[in-house]
PDB file of N, CA and C in Angstrom:
ATOM      1  N   UNK A   1     -13.084  19.866  -1.997  1.00  0.00           N
ATOM      2  CA  UNK A   1     -12.756  18.482  -1.446  1.00  0.00           C
ATOM      3  C   UNK A   1     -11.789  18.979  -0.203  1.00  0.00           C
ATOM      4  N   UNK A   2     -12.133  18.377   0.933  1.00  0.00           N
ATOM      5  CA  UNK A   2     -11.460  18.929   2.273  1.00  0.00           C
ATOM      6  C   UNK A   2     -10.072  17.692   2.298  1.00  0.00           C
ATOM      7  N   UNK A   3      -9.157  17.991   3.076  1.00  0.00           N
ATOM      8  CA  UNK A   3      -7.942  17.304   3.297  1.00  0.00           C
ATOM      9  C   UNK A   3      -7.968  15.889   3.379  1.00  0.00           C
ATOM     10  N   UNK A   4      -8.799  15.504   4.330  1.00  0.00           N
ATOM     11  CA  UNK A   4      -9.191  14.203   4.946  1.00  0.00           C
ATOM     12  C   UNK A   4      -9.714  13.260   3.426  1.00  0.00           C
ATOM     13  N   UNK A   5     -10.231  14.029   2.516  1.00  0.00           N
ATOM     14  CA  UNK A   5     -10.923  13.222   1.471  1.00  0.00           C
ATOM     15  C   UNK A   5      -9.732  13.108   0.265  1.00  0.00           C
ATOM     16  N   UNK A   6      -8.530  13.725   0.324  1.00  0.00           N
ATOM     17  CA  UNK A   6      -7.559  13.515  -0.792  1.00  0.00           C
ATOM     18  C   UNK A   6      -7.009  12.135  -0.672  1.00  0.00           C
ATOM     19  N   UNK A   7      -6.602  11.819  -1.895  1.00  0.00           N
ATOM     20  CA  UNK A   7      -6.279  10.310  -1.698  1.00  0.00           C
ATOM     21  C   UNK A   7      -4.841  10.496  -2.441  1.00  0.00           C
ATOM     22  N   UNK A   8      -3.708   9.528  -2.805  1.00  0.00           N
ATOM     23  CA  UNK A   8      -2.606   9.247  -3.526  1.00  0.00           C
ATOM     24  C   UNK A   8      -2.915   8.694  -4.585  1.00  0.00           C
ATOM     25  N   UNK A   9      -3.112   9.635  -5.670  1.00  0.00           N
ATOM     26  CA  UNK A   9      -3.372   9.287  -7.202  1.00  0.00           C
ATOM     27  C   UNK A   9      -1.877   8.824  -7.701  1.00  0.00           C
ATOM     28  N   UNK A  10      -1.693   7.815  -8.417  1.00  0.00           N
ATOM     29  CA  UNK A  10      -0.546   7.583  -8.988  1.00  0.00           C
ATOM     30  C   UNK A  10       0.600   7.492  -8.431  1.00  0.00           C
ATOM     31  N   UNK A  11       0.591   6.947  -7.164  1.00  0.00           N
ATOM     32  CA  UNK A  11       1.681   6.844  -6.091  1.00  0.00           C
ATOM     33  C   UNK A  11       2.307   5.388  -6.621  1.00  0.00           C
ATOM     34  N   UNK A  12       3.530   5.502  -6.133  1.00  0.00           N
ATOM     35  CA  UNK A  12       4.070   3.921  -6.089  1.00  0.00           C
ATOM     36  C   UNK A  12       4.005   3.155  -4.971  1.00  0.00           C
ATOM     37  N   UNK A  13       3.266   2.125  -4.962  1.00  0.00           N
ATOM     38  CA  UNK A  13       2.787   1.421  -3.773  1.00  0.00           C
ATOM     39  C   UNK A  13       3.712  -0.031  -3.544  1.00  0.00           C
ATOM     40  N   UNK A  14       4.743  -0.205  -2.455  1.00  0.00           N
ATOM     41  CA  UNK A  14       5.764  -1.404  -2.746  1.00  0.00           C
ATOM     42  C   UNK A  14       5.377  -1.874  -1.248  1.00  0.00           C
ATOM     43  N   UNK A  15       5.107  -3.241  -1.431  1.00  0.00           N
ATOM     44  CA  UNK A  15       4.829  -4.468  -0.228  1.00  0.00           C
ATOM     45  C   UNK A  15       6.021  -4.908  -0.527  1.00  0.00           C
ATOM     46  N   UNK A  16       6.633  -5.245   0.963  1.00  0.00           N
ATOM     47  CA  UNK A  16       7.930  -5.782   0.963  1.00  0.00           C
ATOM     48  C   UNK A  16       8.165  -6.872   2.464  1.00  0.00           C
ATOM     49  N   UNK A  17       8.621  -7.993   2.430  1.00  0.00           N
ATOM     50  CA  UNK A  17       8.839  -8.834   3.235  1.00  0.00           C
ATOM     51  C   UNK A  17      10.258  -9.333   3.064  1.00  0.00           C
ATOM     52  N   UNK A  18      11.302  -8.867   3.895  1.00  0.00           N
ATOM     53  CA  UNK A  18      12.443  -9.201   3.750  1.00  0.00           C
ATOM     54  C   UNK A  18      12.890 -10.708   4.301  1.00  0.00           C
ATOM     55  N   UNK A  19      12.155 -11.037   5.116  1.00  0.00           N
ATOM     56  CA  UNK A  19      12.240 -12.387   5.316  1.00  0.00           C
ATOM     57  C   UNK A  19      11.764 -13.226   4.600  1.00  0.00           C
ATOM     58  N   UNK A  20      10.773 -13.338   4.012  1.00  0.00           N
ATOM     59  CA  UNK A  20      10.498 -14.085   2.617  1.00  0.00           C
ATOM     60  C   UNK A  20      11.026 -13.690   1.353  1.00  0.00           C
ATOM     61  N   UNK A  21      11.791 -12.808   1.394  1.00  0.00           N
ATOM     62  CA  UNK A  21      12.621 -12.249  -0.013  1.00  0.00           C
ATOM     63  C   UNK A  21      11.416 -11.875  -1.039  1.00  0.00           C
ATOM     64  N   UNK A  22      10.408 -11.267  -0.361  1.00  0.00           N
ATOM     65  CA  UNK A  22       9.203 -10.583  -1.430  1.00  0.00           C
ATOM     66  C   UNK A  22       9.268  -9.248  -1.445  1.00  0.00           C
ATOM     67  N   UNK A  23       9.084  -8.739  -2.803  1.00  0.00           N
ATOM     68  CA  UNK A  23       8.645  -7.525  -2.811  1.00  0.00           C
ATOM     69  C   UNK A  23       7.763  -7.181  -4.424  1.00  0.00           C
ATOM     70  N   UNK A  24       6.814  -6.285  -4.427  1.00  0.00           N
ATOM     71  CA  UNK A  24       6.048  -5.941  -5.379  1.00  0.00           C
ATOM     72  C   UNK A  24       5.688  -4.446  -5.337  1.00  0.00           C
ATOM     73  N   UNK A  25       5.731  -3.981  -6.299  1.00  0.00           N
ATOM     74  CA  UNK A  25       5.188  -2.606  -6.399  1.00  0.00           C
ATOM     75  C   UNK A  25       4.178  -2.367  -7.747  1.00  0.00           C
ATOM     76  N   UNK A  26       2.977  -1.628  -7.361  1.00  0.00           N
ATOM     77  CA  UNK A  26       2.077  -1.496  -7.972  1.00  0.00           C
ATOM     78  C   UNK A  26       1.860   0.027  -7.755  1.00  0.00           C
ATOM     79  N   UNK A  27       1.013   0.753  -8.858  1.00  0.00           N
ATOM     80  CA  UNK A  27       0.843   2.025  -8.878  1.00  0.00           C
ATOM     81  C   UNK A  27      -0.720   2.242  -8.645  1.00  0.00           C
ATOM     82  N   UNK A  28      -1.062   3.259  -7.469  1.00  0.00           N
ATOM     83  CA  UNK A  28      -2.585   3.608  -7.417  1.00  0.00           C
ATOM     84  C   UNK A  28      -2.904   4.289  -8.455  1.00  0.00           C
ATOM     85  N   UNK A  29      -4.542   4.215  -8.683  1.00  0.00           N
ATOM     86  CA  UNK A  29      -5.331   4.946  -9.524  1.00  0.00           C
ATOM     87  C   UNK A  29      -5.682   6.027  -9.246  1.00  0.00           C
ATOM     88  N   UNK A  30      -6.450   6.703 -10.312  1.00  0.00           N
ATOM     89  CA  UNK A  30      -6.982   8.171  -9.935  1.00  0.00           C
ATOM     90  C   UNK A  30      -7.672   8.341  -8.473  1.00  0.00           C
ATOM     91  N   UNK A  31      -8.471   7.020  -8.097  1.00  0.00           N
ATOM     92  CA  UNK A  31      -9.188   7.097  -6.864  1.00  0.00           C
ATOM     93  C   UNK A  31      -8.450   6.732  -5.812  1.00  0.00           C
ATOM     94  N   UNK A  32      -6.796   6.588  -5.992  1.00  0.00           N
ATOM     95  CA  UNK A  32      -6.017   6.282  -4.733  1.00  0.00           C
ATOM     96  C   UNK A  32      -6.105   4.741  -4.490  1.00  0.00           C
ATOM     97  N   UNK A  33      -7.073   3.776  -5.108  1.00  0.00           N
ATOM     98  CA  UNK A  33      -7.121   2.339  -5.204  1.00  0.00           C
ATOM     99  C   UNK A  33      -5.908   1.716  -5.833  1.00  0.00           C
ATOM    100  N   UNK A  34      -5.492   0.745  -5.159  1.00  0.00           N
ATOM    101  CA  UNK A  34      -4.350  -0.438  -5.699  1.00  0.00           C
ATOM    102  C   UNK A  34      -4.453  -1.894  -5.349  1.00  0.00           C
ATOM    103  N   UNK A  35      -4.041  -2.679  -6.106  1.00  0.00           N
ATOM    104  CA  UNK A  35      -4.247  -3.989  -5.849  1.00  0.00           C
ATOM    105  C   UNK A  35      -3.087  -4.881  -5.811  1.00  0.00           C
ATOM    106  N   UNK A  36      -2.874  -5.598  -5.109  1.00  0.00           N
ATOM    107  CA  UNK A  36      -1.722  -6.499  -4.960  1.00  0.00           C
ATOM    108  C   UNK A  36      -2.108  -8.009  -4.678  1.00  0.00           C
ATOM    109  N   UNK A  37      -1.750  -8.879  -5.668  1.00  0.00           N
ATOM    110  CA  UNK A  37      -2.471 -10.171  -5.525  1.00  0.00           C
ATOM    111  C   UNK A  37      -1.367 -10.976  -5.120  1.00  0.00           C
ATOM    112  N   UNK A  38      -1.770 -12.090  -4.707  1.00  0.00           N
ATOM    113  CA  UNK A  38      -0.855 -13.711  -4.240  1.00  0.00           C
ATOM    114  C   UNK A  38       0.075 -13.170  -3.262  1.00  0.00           C
ATOM    115  N   UNK A  39      -0.341 -12.654  -2.295  1.00  0.00           N
ATOM    116  CA  UNK A  39       0.530 -12.325  -1.269  1.00  0.00           C
ATOM    117  C   UNK A  39       0.403 -13.180  -0.118  1.00  0.00           C
ATOM    118  N   UNK A  40       1.421 -13.840   0.370  1.00  0.00           N
ATOM    119  CA  UNK A  40       1.386 -14.914   1.245  1.00  0.00           C
ATOM    120  C   UNK A  40       1.209 -14.023   2.893  1.00  0.00           C
ATOM    121  N   UNK A  41       1.108 -14.641   3.756  1.00  0.00           N
ATOM    122  CA  UNK A  41       0.481 -14.013   4.861  1.00  0.00           C
ATOM    123  C   UNK A  41       1.933 -13.786   5.681  1.00  0.00           C
ATOM    124  N   UNK A  42       2.028 -13.013   6.372  1.00  0.00           N
ATOM    125  CA  UNK A  42       3.257 -12.530   6.992  1.00  0.00           C
ATOM    126  C   UNK A  42       3.333 -10.949   7.341  1.00  0.00           C
ATOM    127  N   UNK A  43       4.260 -10.523   7.871  1.00  0.00           N
ATOM    128  CA  UNK A  43       4.472  -9.043   8.445  1.00  0.00           C
ATOM    129  C   UNK A  43       5.176  -7.988   7.049  1.00  0.00           C
ATOM    130  N   UNK A  44       4.899  -7.299   6.571  1.00  0.00           N
ATOM    131  CA  UNK A  44       5.406  -6.375   5.332  1.00  0.00           C
ATOM    132  C   UNK A  44       5.603  -4.939   5.718  1.00  0.00           C
ATOM    133  N   UNK A  45       6.258  -4.588   5.047  1.00  0.00           N
ATOM    134  CA  UNK A  45       6.401  -3.001   5.188  1.00  0.00           C
ATOM    135  C   UNK A  45       5.901  -2.584   3.808  1.00  0.00           C
ATOM    136  N   UNK A  46       4.692  -1.672   4.002  1.00  0.00           N
ATOM    137  CA  UNK A  46       3.936  -0.797   2.763  1.00  0.00           C
ATOM    138  C   UNK A  46       4.712   0.388   2.666  1.00  0.00           C
ATOM    139  N   UNK A  47       5.064   0.761   1.539  1.00  0.00           N
ATOM    140  CA  UNK A  47       5.725   2.074   1.508  1.00  0.00           C
ATOM    141  C   UNK A  47       4.817   2.780   0.178  1.00  0.00           C
ATOM    142  N   UNK A  48       4.717   3.762   0.344  1.00  0.00           N
ATOM    143  CA  UNK A  48       3.687   4.662  -0.388  1.00  0.00           C
ATOM    144  C   UNK A  48       4.785   6.040  -0.772  1.00  0.00           C
ATOM    145  N   UNK A  49       4.855   6.247  -2.173  1.00  0.00           N
ATOM    146  CA  UNK A  49       5.854   6.909  -2.542  1.00  0.00           C
ATOM    147  C   UNK A  49       5.190   7.998  -3.766  1.00  0.00           C
ATOM    148  N   UNK A  50       5.098   9.314  -3.348  1.00  0.00           N
ATOM    149  CA  UNK A  50       4.614   9.975  -4.465  1.00  0.00           C
ATOM    150  C   UNK A  50       5.990  11.302  -4.805  1.00  0.00           C
ATOM    151  N   UNK A  51       5.736  11.953  -5.718  1.00  0.00           N
ATOM    152  CA  UNK A  51       6.706  13.220  -6.031  1.00  0.00           C
ATOM    153  C   UNK A  51       6.917  14.019  -4.616  1.00  0.00           C
ATOM    154  N   UNK A  52       5.836  13.891  -3.451  1.00  0.00           N
ATOM    155  CA  UNK A  52       5.989  15.005  -2.711  1.00  0.00           C
ATOM    156  C   UNK A  52       5.939  14.212  -1.325  1.00  0.00           C
ATOM    157  N   UNK A  53       5.986  12.840  -1.244  1.00  0.00           N
ATOM    158  CA  UNK A  53       5.909  12.487   0.157  1.00  0.00           C
ATOM    159  C   UNK A  53       6.320  10.993  -0.018  1.00  0.00           C
ATOM    160  N   UNK A  54       7.054  10.407   1.020  1.00  0.00           N
ATOM    161  CA  UNK A  54       7.379   8.963   1.422  1.00  0.00           C
ATOM    162  C   UNK A  54       6.637   8.645   2.759  1.00  0.00           C
ATOM    163  N   UNK A  55       5.794   7.622   2.866  1.00  0.00           N
ATOM    164  CA  UNK A  55       5.174   7.129   3.882  1.00  0.00           C
ATOM    165  C   UNK A  55       5.483   5.410   3.981  1.00  0.00           C
ATOM    166  N   UNK A  56       5.981   5.135   5.137  1.00  0.00           N
ATOM    167  CA  UNK A  56       5.895   3.597   5.387  1.00  0.00           C
ATOM    168  C   UNK A  56       5.023   3.004   6.486  1.00  0.00           C
ATOM    169  N   UNK A  57       4.324   1.871   6.376  1.00  0.00           N
ATOM    170  CA  UNK A  57       3.511   1.546   7.430  1.00  0.00           C
ATOM    171  C   UNK A  57       4.105  -0.236   7.573  1.00  0.00           C
ATOM    172  N   UNK A  58       3.583  -0.737   8.814  1.00  0.00           N
ATOM    173  CA  UNK A  58       3.616  -1.844   8.908  1.00  0.00           C
ATOM    174  C   UNK A  58       2.389  -2.517   8.800  1.00  0.00           C
ATOM    175  N   UNK A  59       2.513  -3.632   7.975  1.00  0.00           N
ATOM    176  CA  UNK A  59       1.201  -4.381   7.444  1.00  0.00           C
ATOM    177  C   UNK A  59       1.316  -5.757   7.634  1.00  0.00           C
ATOM    178  N   UNK A  60       0.001  -6.391   8.478  1.00  0.00           N
ATOM    179  CA  UNK A  60       0.168  -7.908   8.726  1.00  0.00           C
ATOM    180  C   UNK A  60      -0.907  -8.287   7.766  1.00  0.00           C
ATOM    181  N   UNK A  61      -0.415  -9.565   6.974  1.00  0.00           N
ATOM    182  CA  UNK A  61      -1.184  -9.727   5.918  1.00  0.00           C
ATOM    183  C   UNK A  61      -2.049 -11.675   6.785  1.00  0.00           C
ATOM    184  N   UNK A  62      -3.123 -11.632   6.741  1.00  0.00           N
ATOM    185  CA  UNK A  62      -3.408 -13.043   7.497  1.00  0.00           C
ATOM    186  C   UNK A  62      -4.038 -13.605   6.190  1.00  0.00           C
ATOM    187  N   UNK A  63      -3.912 -15.380   6.719  1.00  0.00           N
ATOM    188  CA  UNK A  63      -4.422 -15.884   5.402  1.00  0.00           C
ATOM    189  C   UNK A  63      -5.898 -16.039   5.391  1.00  0.00           C
ATOM    190  N   UNK A  64      -6.307 -15.328   4.467  1.00  0.00           N
ATOM    191  CA  UNK A  64      -7.482 -14.973   4.012  1.00  0.00           C
ATOM    192  C   UNK A  64      -7.531 -14.719   2.464  1.00  0.00           C
ATOM    193  N   UNK A  65      -8.818 -15.136   1.817  1.00  0.00           N
ATOM    194  CA  UNK A  65      -8.962 -14.712   0.451  1.00  0.00           C
ATOM    195  C   UNK A  65      -8.365 -13.315  -0.101  1.00  0.00           C
ATOM    196  N   UNK A  66      -8.618 -12.301   0.766  1.00  0.00           N
ATOM    197  CA  UNK A  66      -8.295 -11.102   0.653  1.00  0.00           C
ATOM    198  C   UNK A  66      -8.219 -10.245   1.862  1.00  0.00           C
ATOM    199  N   UNK A  67      -7.193  -9.282   1.845  1.00  0.00           N
ATOM    200  CA  UNK A  67      -7.053  -8.270   2.930  1.00  0.00           C
ATOM    201  C   UNK A  67      -7.434  -6.844   2.566  1.00  0.00           C
ATOM    202  N   UNK A  68      -8.540  -5.888   3.188  1.00  0.00           N
ATOM    203  CA  UNK A  68      -8.520  -4.703   2.763  1.00  0.00           C
ATOM    204  C   UNK A  68      -7.482  -3.850   3.778  1.00  0.00           C
ATOM    205  N   UNK A  69      -6.868  -2.913   3.283  1.00  0.00           N
ATOM    206  CA  UNK A  69      -6.218  -1.934   4.087  1.00  0.00           C
ATOM    207  C   UNK A  69      -6.258  -0.688   4.104  1.00  0.00           C
ATOM    208  N   UNK A  70      -6.702  -0.305   5.372  1.00  0.00           N
ATOM    209  CA  UNK A  70      -7.632   1.153   5.537  1.00  0.00           C
ATOM    210  C   UNK A  70      -6.811   2.007   4.528  1.00  0.00           C
ATOM    211  N   UNK A  71      -7.618   2.996   3.884  1.00  0.00           N
ATOM    212  CA  UNK A  71      -7.028   4.286   3.063  1.00  0.00           C
ATOM    213  C   UNK A  71      -6.194   4.897   3.521  1.00  0.00           C
ATOM    214  N   UNK A  72      -4.923   5.573   2.788  1.00  0.00           N
ATOM    215  CA  UNK A  72      -3.813   6.291   3.478  1.00  0.00           C
ATOM    216  C   UNK A  72      -3.893   7.571   2.888  1.00  0.00           C
ATOM    217  N   UNK A  73      -4.332   8.512   4.203  1.00  0.00           N
ATOM    218  CA  UNK A  73      -4.905   9.807   3.575  1.00  0.00           C
ATOM    219  C   UNK A  73      -3.758  10.644   3.392  1.00  0.00           C
ATOM    220  N   UNK A  74      -3.699  11.384   2.367  1.00  0.00           N
ATOM    221  CA  UNK A  74      -2.505  12.275   1.585  1.00  0.00           C
ATOM    222  C   UNK A  74      -2.769  13.742   2.360  1.00  0.00           C
ATOM    223  N   UNK A  75      -1.863  13.789   3.568  1.00  0.00           N
ATOM    224  CA  UNK A  75      -2.073  14.734   4.307  1.00  0.00           C
ATOM    225  C   UNK A  75      -0.204  15.380   4.243  1.00  0.00           C
TER     226      UNK A  75
END
């Protein structure tokens, strides 16, 4: 498997919006997938934490039935 195909398995994924006072943490599966439900629209910080890395991203959630966020490569 090349580096671009690696995923964050078992990572703690936290989505936080301080203005709304909302925060939720889930864990990614072996395939790197994770799901956050009932997230209201707004701008959030997405934090990906593993034993080896911590990455933060700005994410804008639109009022849609679901939002796909691009995969986060484990580099």
